[in-house]
Amino acid sequence: MAKAIMIQGAGSNVGKSMLVAGLARAAVRRGISVAPFKPQNMSNNAAVTVDGGEIGRAQALQASAARRDPVVDMNPVLLKPETDTGAQVIVQGQRLATVKARDYGQMKGDLMPCVLDSFQRLRADVDLVLVEGAGSPAEVNLRAGDIANMGFAEAADVPVVLAGDIDRGGVIAQLVGTHAVLPASDRDRIVAFLINKFRGDPTLFDDGLVEITRHTAWPSLGVVPWFAEAWRLPAEDIMDLASPRPSGNFKVVVPRLNRIANFDDLDPLAAEPGVSVEIIAAGTPLPGDADLVLIPGSKSTITDLAHFRAQGWDIDLTAHIRRGGHVLGLCGGYQMLGRRIVDAGGLEGPPGEVEGLGHLDVVTTLEPEKRLALTEAVDRESGIGLTGYEIHLGKTEGPDTSRGWLTVSGNAEGAADATGRVRGSYLHGMFDSDAFRRVFLARLGAPTSDTSYGAAVDATLDALADHLETHLDVSALFALAR
C-alpha cells in the first residue's frame, strides 16, 4: 500500500496546488510512482478525465506533473459554484446534486466513504500519494463532517505538512494561530511546516523559523522563495491569469463573467509572445482597440448573460463587430451569442427562455444530461487536427451551424456568421494544440510564434521541481509520508 503525505495551508491561496505539482514532478524524477489527490475542491475550472468524469483543473495539472493521466479518483468531490450560496456537487466525476451551502454542510460527511474509496484506489496503484487540503484547517467551525482537511487526514491516517504564505505578511501568526485553535488530536497530526512565497533573502527569516518551532514544536522543512515562472502554468484562479505577465500587441479581451468557467482556454493565448490577454472587470467597458473579444465559458450562462448586459458589454460588443472586430464564444459564451437560450426544465433558474446577444443565428436548448468528452477535431479550413474537451449542458441548433468551422466525428461543430468574424464552439482546450493556435491567430492577423505550449508547461513543472529541491528539504518531506 502506498504511503501518503498531505499538504494543508494556514490559509487559502498559500500555494498548496503548486507545491503538490512541484513535489509530484520531483517524486517522478526520483523514480517514485506518485499520484495527486484532493478530497474536495471548489472550482468552475474543471478538466475532463480519461475515465469520463470531471475534476478540478489543478488536479489535472498535478497529474501531468506526475506523468499520469487524470482520473476522477484524484478529486472525488468537486464543488462548482452556480450562485453565491449554492453549488453543483460532483462526486467521483459525475453530478450528484445542486445544493445550498448550508445543505452541503450537512451532507458532506456522508461523502467520506466515496472520498476514502477513491483514495484507496489511487493508493493501490502508486508508491506515494500527495494529498492537497482545501482552505485551512484553522476554520475549526467547519471541522464537523470535514472531508477536505483534518477530517480526511484523521479518517485516512495521513500525516500533514502545514504551509504558510509569507507574501501576505503575518506568517508567524498564521502558523502559530493554527496551532492554537486546532484540537490536540489534529495538532499532533502535523509533522512539519514550510514557508512559501518568500521574496528576498530567505536567510532573513531564520529567526522566524525558530519562533514558529518554539511555539509549535513543529520542525521546519524550509523557506520556498517566490516562483517567478508560475505565470507559465495554467491558472487555477482567474486572478492568477489577470496577474502581470509578458504581453504582445494583438489584444484579446475577455469579459470577466461572475461564474466564469474553464478559463484555461486563455492560458495558451496568454503564453504567445505576440498576444496580450486582458481580463475586463465589471463596470469597465470593453476596449475599443480589441482585436478579438473572447466570451468564455460560464457555470450559469443565463445569469452571466444578464450580467454581461448589465455592464453594457452587449453595446460594446456590437460596436466591436461593426468595426470589423472578431468574436469567439466558447461553450457558455457560444450560447450567449445566439438568438435565444431555452431552459424549459429550469436547470439554471425559473423555467423559460431568454434572448441572446443575437450575433449568431442559433438557438440553444438546455438539457439535463451533461456532455463530458475528450474530443478530437479538425479545423475545416486548414485540415489541421486538434484536441480538446467538452463539458456542457444543452444543444445548439440553427442556420449558422451550417458554417460550423470544426469537424468532430465527421460532423460540423460550432457556428459562424456570414462574415466568419463571429464564431462559437463547444470545444474547450482547442488552443493547447500548437498548429491550430498558430493558424487561428494568423487568420486574425496576429503574429505567431513557434511556442509549444505543452512543452513550455512541462519545462516549467521541471523548473518548479528544481526550485523546491533547492529550497525545501524534499527528502525529509517524502520521508514523513506513511
Foldseek 3Di string as FASTA:
>chain_A
DAWEEEEFELFAPLCLLLVLLLLLLLCVVVVFQEAEAFAEEEALAWDAFPVGFIAQVSRCSSCVSNVHTDFLLRYQWYWQDQDPFWTFIHGRRHTDGIDGNVVCLVCLLVCQVSNVVSVVVRRVPTRYYYYYAHTHVLPVVSVVSDCRPLVVCVVVVWAYEYEFEPVVPPRLCSQLVSLVRDDPVSLVSHQAYEYEAAPDDQVVCVVVQVVSCVSRVHHYQFYFHHDPCVLLAQDSDVVSVQDDDAAADQEEEEEDFPFFHNPSLCNLQCPWNHHHYHYDYALGETDLPHQEYEYGDGPQLVVRQVSCVVSVNLVSVVVCVVVVHFYEYEASGLQQQEQKEAEQPQPRHDGGMDGHSHNFHKYKYFDPDWDWAWWWKAQQVPRDIFTFIATHGIDMDGDQQVVQGMATPNGRFWGADPVRRYIYGRGGPRSLPQVVVQVVCVVSVTDGDPDNSVVSNNVVSVVSNVSCVVTGNSVVSVVSTD
